[in-house]
Amino acid sequence: VHSGEDSEFGEGLLDSIQVPLRLIGSKDDDFVSSIIV
């Protein structure tokens, strides 16, 4: 996105890239540590 390679890849190519995402809302530090591990 930021190194100028967008033009190398072609107009709008990066707009077609989708990335799997897991978004977890938690204030439990122990649970967060277990997720990290």
PDB file of all heavy atoms in Angstrom:
ATOM      1  N   VAL A   1       0.815  -1.213   0.000  1.00  0.00           N
ATOM      2  CA  VAL A   1       0.000   0.000   0.000  1.00  0.00           C
ATOM      3  C   VAL A   1       0.845   1.258   0.000  1.00  0.00           C
ATOM      4  O   VAL A   1       0.536   2.233  -0.689  1.00  0.00           O
ATOM      5  CB  VAL A   1      -0.947   0.005   1.230  1.00  0.00           C
ATOM      6  CG1 VAL A   1      -1.667   1.349   1.342  1.00  0.00           C
ATOM      7  CG2 VAL A   1      -1.954  -1.126   1.116  1.00  0.00           C
ATOM      8  N   HIS A   2       1.973   1.249   0.743  1.00  0.00           N
ATOM      9  CA  HIS A   2       2.715   2.488   0.979  1.00  0.00           C
ATOM     10  C   HIS A   2       4.101   2.556   0.340  1.00  0.00           C
ATOM     11  O   HIS A   2       4.783   3.563   0.490  1.00  0.00           O
ATOM     12  CB  HIS A   2       2.856   2.730   2.483  1.00  0.00           C
ATOM     13  CG  HIS A   2       1.562   3.058   3.146  1.00  0.00           C
ATOM     14  ND1 HIS A   2       0.832   4.181   2.837  1.00  0.00           N
ATOM     15  CD2 HIS A   2       0.845   2.392   4.094  1.00  0.00           C
ATOM     16  CE1 HIS A   2      -0.272   4.209   3.573  1.00  0.00           C
ATOM     17  NE2 HIS A   2      -0.286   3.147   4.337  1.00  0.00           N
ATOM     18  N   SER A   3       4.519   1.510  -0.356  1.00  0.00           N
ATOM     19  CA  SER A   3       5.856   1.561  -0.950  1.00  0.00           C
ATOM     20  C   SER A   3       5.834   1.940  -2.421  1.00  0.00           C
ATOM     21  O   SER A   3       6.846   1.889  -3.090  1.00  0.00           O
ATOM     22  CB  SER A   3       6.534   0.188  -0.810  1.00  0.00           C
ATOM     23  OG  SER A   3       5.856  -0.772  -1.605  1.00  0.00           O
ATOM     24  N   GLY A   4       4.655   2.274  -2.926  1.00  0.00           N
ATOM     25  CA  GLY A   4       4.576   2.645  -4.340  1.00  0.00           C
ATOM     26  C   GLY A   4       4.361   1.454  -5.247  1.00  0.00           C
ATOM     27  O   GLY A   4       4.354   1.589  -6.459  1.00  0.00           O
ATOM     28  N   GLU A   5       4.168   0.280  -4.650  1.00  0.00           N
ATOM     29  CA  GLU A   5       4.002  -0.905  -5.481  1.00  0.00           C
ATOM     30  C   GLU A   5       2.598  -1.009  -6.065  1.00  0.00           C
ATOM     31  O   GLU A   5       2.322  -1.846  -6.896  1.00  0.00           O
ATOM     32  CB  GLU A   5       4.327  -2.164  -4.673  1.00  0.00           C
ATOM     33  CG  GLU A   5       5.774  -2.218  -4.224  1.00  0.00           C
ATOM     34  CD  GLU A   5       6.072  -3.507  -3.451  1.00  0.00           C
ATOM     35  OE1 GLU A   5       5.590  -4.571  -3.874  1.00  0.00           O
ATOM     36  OE2 GLU A   5       6.783  -3.428  -2.448  1.00  0.00           O
ATOM     37  N   ASP A   6       1.688  -0.159  -5.572  1.00  0.00           N
ATOM     38  CA  ASP A   6       0.331  -0.198  -6.087  1.00  0.00           C
ATOM     39  C   ASP A   6       0.307  -0.002  -7.593  1.00  0.00           C
ATOM     40  O   ASP A   6      -0.382  -0.706  -8.330  1.00  0.00           O
ATOM     41  CB  ASP A   6      -0.493   0.890  -5.394  1.00  0.00           C
ATOM     42  CG  ASP A   6      -1.988   0.741  -5.643  1.00  0.00           C
ATOM     43  OD1 ASP A   6      -2.374  -0.301  -6.170  1.00  0.00           O
ATOM     44  OD2 ASP A   6      -2.751   1.671  -5.290  1.00  0.00           O
ATOM     45  N   SER A   7       1.113   0.975  -8.076  1.00  0.00           N
ATOM     46  CA  SER A   7       1.148   1.231  -9.515  1.00  0.00           C
ATOM     47  C   SER A   7       1.755   0.051 -10.259  1.00  0.00           C
ATOM     48  O   SER A   7       1.374  -0.252 -11.385  1.00  0.00           O
ATOM     49  CB  SER A   7       1.950   2.502  -9.798  1.00  0.00           C
ATOM     50  OG  SER A   7       3.269   2.374  -9.283  1.00  0.00           O
ATOM     51  N   GLU A   8       2.691  -0.608  -9.603  1.00  0.00           N
ATOM     52  CA  GLU A   8       3.323  -1.777 -10.227  1.00  0.00           C
ATOM     53  C   GLU A   8       2.310  -2.902 -10.392  1.00  0.00           C
ATOM     54  O   GLU A   8       2.304  -3.637 -11.369  1.00  0.00           O
ATOM     55  CB  GLU A   8       4.485  -2.244  -9.356  1.00  0.00           C
ATOM     56  CG  GLU A   8       5.144  -3.527  -9.851  1.00  0.00           C
ATOM     57  CD  GLU A   8       6.136  -4.077  -8.836  1.00  0.00           C
ATOM     58  OE1 GLU A   8       6.506  -3.342  -7.905  1.00  0.00           O
ATOM     59  OE2 GLU A   8       6.520  -5.260  -8.996  1.00  0.00           O
ATOM     60  N   PHE A   9       1.416  -3.038  -9.409  1.00  0.00           N
ATOM     61  CA  PHE A   9       0.447  -4.122  -9.439  1.00  0.00           C
ATOM     62  C   PHE A   9      -0.744  -3.813 -10.353  1.00  0.00           C
ATOM     63  O   PHE A   9      -1.491  -4.687 -10.739  1.00  0.00           O
ATOM     64  CB  PHE A   9      -0.084  -4.404  -8.034  1.00  0.00           C
ATOM     65  CG  PHE A   9       0.969  -4.978  -7.126  1.00  0.00           C
ATOM     66  CD1 PHE A   9       0.805  -4.912  -5.751  1.00  0.00           C
ATOM     67  CD2 PHE A   9       2.103  -5.574  -7.630  1.00  0.00           C
ATOM     68  CE1 PHE A   9       1.767  -5.442  -4.906  1.00  0.00           C
ATOM     69  CE2 PHE A   9       3.069  -6.099  -6.796  1.00  0.00           C
ATOM     70  CZ  PHE A   9       2.903  -6.028  -5.435  1.00  0.00           C
ATOM     71  N   GLY A  10      -0.921  -2.543 -10.664  1.00  0.00           N
ATOM     72  CA  GLY A  10      -2.034  -2.200 -11.534  1.00  0.00           C
ATOM     73  C   GLY A  10      -3.103  -1.410 -10.803  1.00  0.00           C
ATOM     74  O   GLY A  10      -3.279  -1.530  -9.603  1.00  0.00           O
ATOM     75  N   GLU A  11      -3.804  -0.582 -11.516  1.00  0.00           N
ATOM     76  CA  GLU A  11      -4.836   0.279 -10.944  1.00  0.00           C
ATOM     77  C   GLU A  11      -5.897  -0.537 -10.208  1.00  0.00           C
ATOM     78  O   GLU A  11      -6.528  -1.431 -10.762  1.00  0.00           O
ATOM     79  CB  GLU A  11      -5.505   1.077 -12.087  1.00  0.00           C
ATOM     80  CG  GLU A  11      -6.563   2.057 -11.603  1.00  0.00           C
ATOM     81  CD  GLU A  11      -5.948   3.241 -10.896  1.00  0.00           C
ATOM     82  OE1 GLU A  11      -4.784   3.575 -11.212  1.00  0.00           O
ATOM     83  OE2 GLU A  11      -6.629   3.837 -10.048  1.00  0.00           O
ATOM     84  N   GLY A  12      -6.062  -0.231  -8.936  1.00  0.00           N
ATOM     85  CA  GLY A  12      -7.129  -0.851  -8.153  1.00  0.00           C
ATOM     86  C   GLY A  12      -6.892  -2.278  -7.735  1.00  0.00           C
ATOM     87  O   GLY A  12      -7.797  -2.898  -7.150  1.00  0.00           O
ATOM     88  N   LEU A  13      -5.694  -2.833  -8.011  1.00  0.00           N
ATOM     89  CA  LEU A  13      -5.469  -4.234  -7.663  1.00  0.00           C
ATOM     90  C   LEU A  13      -5.583  -4.458  -6.164  1.00  0.00           C
ATOM     91  O   LEU A  13      -6.200  -5.427  -5.704  1.00  0.00           O
ATOM     92  CB  LEU A  13      -4.099  -4.684  -8.160  1.00  0.00           C
ATOM     93  CG  LEU A  13      -3.680  -6.124  -7.785  1.00  0.00           C
ATOM     94  CD1 LEU A  13      -4.690  -7.125  -8.317  1.00  0.00           C
ATOM     95  CD2 LEU A  13      -2.293  -6.430  -8.321  1.00  0.00           C
ATOM     96  N   LEU A  14      -4.989  -3.558  -5.370  1.00  0.00           N
ATOM     97  CA  LEU A  14      -5.026  -3.740  -3.930  1.00  0.00           C
ATOM     98  C   LEU A  14      -6.439  -3.655  -3.381  1.00  0.00           C
ATOM     99  O   LEU A  14      -6.739  -4.212  -2.327  1.00  0.00           O
ATOM    100  CB  LEU A  14      -4.125  -2.703  -3.245  1.00  0.00           C
ATOM    101  CG  LEU A  14      -2.622  -2.931  -3.424  1.00  0.00           C
ATOM    102  CD1 LEU A  14      -1.838  -1.780  -2.816  1.00  0.00           C
ATOM    103  CD2 LEU A  14      -2.200  -4.241  -2.794  1.00  0.00           C
ATOM    104  N   ASP A  15      -7.317  -2.952  -4.085  1.00  0.00           N
ATOM    105  CA  ASP A  15      -8.706  -2.863  -3.625  1.00  0.00           C
ATOM    106  C   ASP A  15      -9.405  -4.219  -3.701  1.00  0.00           C
ATOM    107  O   ASP A  15     -10.442  -4.424  -3.060  1.00  0.00           O
ATOM    108  CB  ASP A  15      -9.476  -1.847  -4.474  1.00  0.00           C
ATOM    109  CG  ASP A  15      -8.973  -0.430  -4.236  1.00  0.00           C
ATOM    110  OD1 ASP A  15      -8.578  -0.136  -3.088  1.00  0.00           O
ATOM    111  OD2 ASP A  15      -8.970   0.368  -5.185  1.00  0.00           O
ATOM    112  N   SER A  16      -8.840  -5.132  -4.479  1.00  0.00           N
ATOM    113  CA  SER A  16      -9.462  -6.454  -4.604  1.00  0.00           C
ATOM    114  C   SER A  16      -8.953  -7.434  -3.559  1.00  0.00           C
ATOM    115  O   SER A  16      -9.484  -8.532  -3.423  1.00  0.00           O
ATOM    116  CB  SER A  16      -9.194  -7.036  -5.997  1.00  0.00           C
ATOM    117  OG  SER A  16      -7.810  -7.334  -6.155  1.00  0.00           O
ATOM    118  N   ILE A  17      -7.922  -7.027  -2.787  1.00  0.00           N
ATOM    119  CA  ILE A  17      -7.349  -7.925  -1.784  1.00  0.00           C
ATOM    120  C   ILE A  17      -8.194  -7.896  -0.517  1.00  0.00           C
ATOM    121  O   ILE A  17      -8.470  -6.829   0.045  1.00  0.00           O
ATOM    122  CB  ILE A  17      -5.904  -7.536  -1.438  1.00  0.00           C
ATOM    123  CG1 ILE A  17      -5.016  -7.656  -2.673  1.00  0.00           C
ATOM    124  CG2 ILE A  17      -5.356  -8.395  -0.305  1.00  0.00           C
ATOM    125  CD1 ILE A  17      -3.596  -7.200  -2.434  1.00  0.00           C
ATOM    126  N   GLN A  18      -8.598  -9.062  -0.070  1.00  0.00           N
ATOM    127  CA  GLN A  18      -9.316  -9.217   1.194  1.00  0.00           C
ATOM    128  C   GLN A  18      -8.466 -10.083   2.128  1.00  0.00           C
ATOM    129  O   GLN A  18      -7.816 -11.029   1.688  1.00  0.00           O
ATOM    130  CB  GLN A  18     -10.682  -9.868   0.970  1.00  0.00           C
ATOM    131  CG  GLN A  18     -11.607  -9.085   0.051  1.00  0.00           C
ATOM    132  CD  GLN A  18     -12.069  -7.784   0.674  1.00  0.00           C
ATOM    133  OE1 GLN A  18     -12.314  -7.705   1.880  1.00  0.00           O
ATOM    134  NE2 GLN A  18     -12.179  -6.735  -0.146  1.00  0.00           N
ATOM    135  N   VAL A  19      -8.477  -9.735   3.404  1.00  0.00           N
ATOM    136  CA  VAL A  19      -7.655 -10.433   4.390  1.00  0.00           C
ATOM    137  C   VAL A  19      -8.540 -10.998   5.494  1.00  0.00           C
ATOM    138  O   VAL A  19      -9.375 -10.275   6.051  1.00  0.00           O
ATOM    139  CB  VAL A  19      -6.609  -9.472   5.014  1.00  0.00           C
ATOM    140  CG1 VAL A  19      -5.719 -10.223   5.996  1.00  0.00           C
ATOM    141  CG2 VAL A  19      -5.767  -8.814   3.930  1.00  0.00           C
ATOM    142  N   PRO A  20      -8.396 -12.288   5.829  1.00  0.00           N
ATOM    143  CA  PRO A  20      -9.183 -12.852   6.932  1.00  0.00           C
ATOM    144  C   PRO A  20      -8.890 -12.110   8.237  1.00  0.00           C
ATOM    145  O   PRO A  20      -7.740 -11.797   8.542  1.00  0.00           O
ATOM    146  CB  PRO A  20      -8.689 -14.301   7.012  1.00  0.00           C
ATOM    147  CG  PRO A  20      -8.140 -14.593   5.655  1.00  0.00           C
ATOM    148  CD  PRO A  20      -7.541 -13.311   5.182  1.00  0.00           C
ATOM    149  N   LEU A  21      -9.921 -11.828   9.010  1.00  0.00           N
ATOM    150  CA  LEU A  21      -9.764 -11.073  10.254  1.00  0.00           C
ATOM    151  C   LEU A  21     -10.626 -11.671  11.354  1.00  0.00           C
ATOM    152  O   LEU A  21     -11.812 -11.959  11.136  1.00  0.00           O
ATOM    153  CB  LEU A  21     -10.173  -9.606  10.026  1.00  0.00           C
ATOM    154  CG  LEU A  21     -10.279  -8.725  11.271  1.00  0.00           C
ATOM    155  CD1 LEU A  21      -8.910  -8.534  11.922  1.00  0.00           C
ATOM    156  CD2 LEU A  21     -10.903  -7.368  10.935  1.00  0.00           C
ATOM    157  N   ARG A  22     -10.000 -11.856  12.508  1.00  0.00           N
ATOM    158  CA  ARG A  22     -10.744 -12.179  13.731  1.00  0.00           C
ATOM    159  C   ARG A  22     -10.618 -10.982  14.662  1.00  0.00           C
ATOM    160  O   ARG A  22      -9.510 -10.576  15.004  1.00  0.00           O
ATOM    161  CB  ARG A  22     -10.184 -13.426  14.415  1.00  0.00           C
ATOM    162  CG  ARG A  22     -10.595 -14.726  13.753  1.00  0.00           C
ATOM    163  CD  ARG A  22     -10.414 -15.903  14.691  1.00  0.00           C
ATOM    164  NE  ARG A  22      -9.033 -16.002  15.159  1.00  0.00           N
ATOM    165  CZ  ARG A  22      -8.644 -16.798  16.158  1.00  0.00           C
ATOM    166  NH1 ARG A  22      -9.525 -17.526  16.808  1.00  0.00           N
ATOM    167  NH2 ARG A  22      -7.365 -16.850  16.508  1.00  0.00           N
ATOM    168  N   LEU A  23     -11.726 -10.432  15.080  1.00  0.00           N
ATOM    169  CA  LEU A  23     -11.752  -9.267  15.968  1.00  0.00           C
ATOM    170  C   LEU A  23     -12.412  -9.670  17.279  1.00  0.00           C
ATOM    171  O   LEU A  23     -13.593 -10.060  17.293  1.00  0.00           O
ATOM    172  CB  LEU A  23     -12.516  -8.127  15.294  1.00  0.00           C
ATOM    173  CG  LEU A  23     -12.724  -6.861  16.111  1.00  0.00           C
ATOM    174  CD1 LEU A  23     -11.401  -6.251  16.541  1.00  0.00           C
ATOM    175  CD2 LEU A  23     -13.554  -5.843  15.315  1.00  0.00           C
ATOM    176  N   ILE A  24     -11.653  -9.597  18.370  1.00  0.00           N
ATOM    177  CA  ILE A  24     -12.135 -10.088  19.667  1.00  0.00           C
ATOM    178  C   ILE A  24     -12.106  -8.944  20.673  1.00  0.00           C
ATOM    179  O   ILE A  24     -11.068  -8.303  20.868  1.00  0.00           O
ATOM    180  CB  ILE A  24     -11.254 -11.251  20.177  1.00  0.00           C
ATOM    181  CG1 ILE A  24     -11.264 -12.401  19.160  1.00  0.00           C
ATOM    182  CG2 ILE A  24     -11.723 -11.737  21.548  1.00  0.00           C
ATOM    183  CD1 ILE A  24     -10.231 -13.481  19.441  1.00  0.00           C
ATOM    184  N   GLY A  25     -13.218  -8.689  21.314  1.00  0.00           N
ATOM    185  CA  GLY A  25     -13.293  -7.676  22.354  1.00  0.00           C
ATOM    186  C   GLY A  25     -13.233  -8.316  23.726  1.00  0.00           C
ATOM    187  O   GLY A  25     -14.146  -9.056  24.118  1.00  0.00           O
ATOM    188  N   SER A  26     -12.143  -8.052  24.461  1.00  0.00           N
ATOM    189  CA  SER A  26     -11.976  -8.662  25.782  1.00  0.00           C
ATOM    190  C   SER A  26     -11.109  -7.782  26.667  1.00  0.00           C
ATOM    191  O   SER A  26     -10.109  -7.231  26.219  1.00  0.00           O
ATOM    192  CB  SER A  26     -11.353 -10.055  25.659  1.00  0.00           C
ATOM    193  OG  SER A  26     -11.141 -10.626  26.941  1.00  0.00           O
ATOM    194  N   LYS A  27     -11.496  -7.687  27.945  1.00  0.00           N
ATOM    195  CA  LYS A  27     -10.696  -6.970  28.936  1.00  0.00           C
ATOM    196  C   LYS A  27     -10.001  -7.925  29.898  1.00  0.00           C
ATOM    197  O   LYS A  27      -9.353  -7.494  30.842  1.00  0.00           O
ATOM    198  CB  LYS A  27     -11.586  -6.007  29.732  1.00  0.00           C
ATOM    199  CG  LYS A  27     -12.223  -4.892  28.917  1.00  0.00           C
ATOM    200  CD  LYS A  27     -13.039  -3.972  29.817  1.00  0.00           C
ATOM    201  CE  LYS A  27     -13.620  -2.796  29.031  1.00  0.00           C
ATOM    202  NZ  LYS A  27     -14.669  -3.215  28.099  1.00  0.00           N
ATOM    203  N   ASP A  28     -10.142  -9.218  29.650  1.00  0.00           N
ATOM    204  CA  ASP A  28      -9.577 -10.254  30.517  1.00  0.00           C
ATOM    205  C   ASP A  28      -8.136 -10.531  30.078  1.00  0.00           C
ATOM    206  O   ASP A  28      -7.904 -11.170  29.052  1.00  0.00           O
ATOM    207  CB  ASP A  28     -10.425 -11.525  30.418  1.00  0.00           C
ATOM    208  CG  ASP A  28     -10.021 -12.601  31.415  1.00  0.00           C
ATOM    209  OD1 ASP A  28      -8.808 -12.707  31.718  1.00  0.00           O
ATOM    210  OD2 ASP A  28     -10.900 -13.343  31.874  1.00  0.00           O
ATOM    211  N   ASP A  29      -7.154 -10.064  30.869  1.00  0.00           N
ATOM    212  CA  ASP A  29      -5.749 -10.195  30.479  1.00  0.00           C
ATOM    213  C   ASP A  29      -5.310 -11.654  30.379  1.00  0.00           C
ATOM    214  O   ASP A  29      -4.497 -12.009  29.521  1.00  0.00           O
ATOM    215  CB  ASP A  29      -4.850  -9.451  31.467  1.00  0.00           C
ATOM    216  CG  ASP A  29      -4.925  -7.945  31.278  1.00  0.00           C
ATOM    217  OD1 ASP A  29      -4.982  -7.511  30.117  1.00  0.00           O
ATOM    218  OD2 ASP A  29      -4.935  -7.217  32.276  1.00  0.00           O
ATOM    219  N   ASP A  30      -5.829 -12.508  31.259  1.00  0.00           N
ATOM    220  CA  ASP A  30      -5.473 -13.923  31.190  1.00  0.00           C
ATOM    221  C   ASP A  30      -5.974 -14.540  29.885  1.00  0.00           C
ATOM    222  O   ASP A  30      -5.258 -15.310  29.225  1.00  0.00           O
ATOM    223  CB  ASP A  30      -6.075 -14.690  32.376  1.00  0.00           C
ATOM    224  CG  ASP A  30      -5.366 -14.370  33.679  1.00  0.00           C
ATOM    225  OD1 ASP A  30      -4.149 -14.131  33.629  1.00  0.00           O
ATOM    226  OD2 ASP A  30      -6.024 -14.355  34.726  1.00  0.00           O
ATOM    227  N   PHE A  31      -7.181 -14.192  29.509  1.00  0.00           N
ATOM    228  CA  PHE A  31      -7.746 -14.729  28.271  1.00  0.00           C
ATOM    229  C   PHE A  31      -6.973 -14.214  27.057  1.00  0.00           C
ATOM    230  O   PHE A  31      -6.689 -14.963  26.125  1.00  0.00           O
ATOM    231  CB  PHE A  31      -9.222 -14.338  28.168  1.00  0.00           C
ATOM    232  CG  PHE A  31      -9.929 -14.948  26.992  1.00  0.00           C
ATOM    233  CD1 PHE A  31     -10.191 -16.300  26.946  1.00  0.00           C
ATOM    234  CD2 PHE A  31     -10.325 -14.153  25.922  1.00  0.00           C
ATOM    235  CE1 PHE A  31     -10.844 -16.872  25.855  1.00  0.00           C
ATOM    236  CE2 PHE A  31     -10.972 -14.703  24.828  1.00  0.00           C
ATOM    237  CZ  PHE A  31     -11.231 -16.066  24.794  1.00  0.00           C
ATOM    238  N   VAL A  32      -6.612 -12.932  27.103  1.00  0.00           N
ATOM    239  CA  VAL A  32      -5.827 -12.359  26.005  1.00  0.00           C
ATOM    240  C   VAL A  32      -4.483 -13.067  25.885  1.00  0.00           C
ATOM    241  O   VAL A  32      -4.029 -13.394  24.785  1.00  0.00           O
ATOM    242  CB  VAL A  32      -5.624 -10.847  26.217  1.00  0.00           C
ATOM    243  CG1 VAL A  32      -4.656 -10.292  25.182  1.00  0.00           C
ATOM    244  CG2 VAL A  32      -6.948 -10.111  26.141  1.00  0.00           C
ATOM    245  N   SER A  33      -3.833 -13.334  27.035  1.00  0.00           N
ATOM    246  CA  SER A  33      -2.551 -14.049  27.004  1.00  0.00           C
ATOM    247  C   SER A  33      -2.720 -15.438  26.400  1.00  0.00           C
ATOM    248  O   SER A  33      -1.867 -15.905  25.646  1.00  0.00           O
ATOM    249  CB  SER A  33      -1.980 -14.159  28.427  1.00  0.00           C
ATOM    250  OG  SER A  33      -1.601 -12.899  28.914  1.00  0.00           O
ATOM    251  N   SER A  34      -3.828 -16.105  26.724  1.00  0.00           N
ATOM    252  CA  SER A  34      -4.057 -17.451  26.174  1.00  0.00           C
ATOM    253  C   SER A  34      -4.286 -17.389  24.667  1.00  0.00           C
ATOM    254  O   SER A  34      -3.906 -18.304  23.932  1.00  0.00           O
ATOM    255  CB  SER A  34      -5.254 -18.113  26.865  1.00  0.00           C
ATOM    256  OG  SER A  34      -6.480 -17.495  26.511  1.00  0.00           O
ATOM    257  N   ILE A  35      -4.905 -16.295  24.190  1.00  0.00           N
ATOM    258  CA  ILE A  35      -5.088 -16.117  22.741  1.00  0.00           C
ATOM    259  C   ILE A  35      -3.737 -15.943  22.063  1.00  0.00           C
ATOM    260  O   ILE A  35      -3.466 -16.526  21.003  1.00  0.00           O
ATOM    261  CB  ILE A  35      -5.990 -14.908  22.453  1.00  0.00           C
ATOM    262  CG1 ILE A  35      -7.416 -15.174  22.922  1.00  0.00           C
ATOM    263  CG2 ILE A  35      -5.990 -14.579  20.957  1.00  0.00           C
ATOM    264  CD1 ILE A  35      -8.335 -13.968  22.808  1.00  0.00           C
ATOM    265  N   ILE A  36      -2.878 -15.151  22.680  1.00  0.00           N
ATOM    266  CA  ILE A  36      -1.544 -14.918  22.112  1.00  0.00           C
ATOM    267  C   ILE A  36      -0.787 -16.218  21.974  1.00  0.00           C
ATOM    268  O   ILE A  36      -0.195 -16.508  20.927  1.00  0.00           O
ATOM    269  CB  ILE A  36      -0.757 -13.920  22.988  1.00  0.00           C
ATOM    270  CG1 ILE A  36      -1.379 -12.521  22.888  1.00  0.00           C
ATOM    271  CG2 ILE A  36       0.708 -13.877  22.573  1.00  0.00           C
ATOM    272  CD1 ILE A  36      -0.792 -11.513  23.849  1.00  0.00           C
ATOM    273  N   VAL A  37      -0.798 -17.026  23.028  1.00  0.00           N
ATOM    274  CA  VAL A  37      -0.098 -18.310  22.984  1.00  0.00           C
ATOM    275  C   VAL A  37      -0.741 -19.226  21.951  1.00  0.00           C
ATOM    276  O   VAL A  37      -0.058 -19.859  21.131  1.00  0.00           O
ATOM    277  CB  VAL A  37      -0.098 -18.976  24.372  1.00  0.00           C
ATOM    278  CG1 VAL A  37       0.470 -20.391  24.286  1.00  0.00           C
ATOM    279  CG2 VAL A  37       0.716 -18.146  25.357  1.00  0.00           C
TER     280      VAL A  37
END
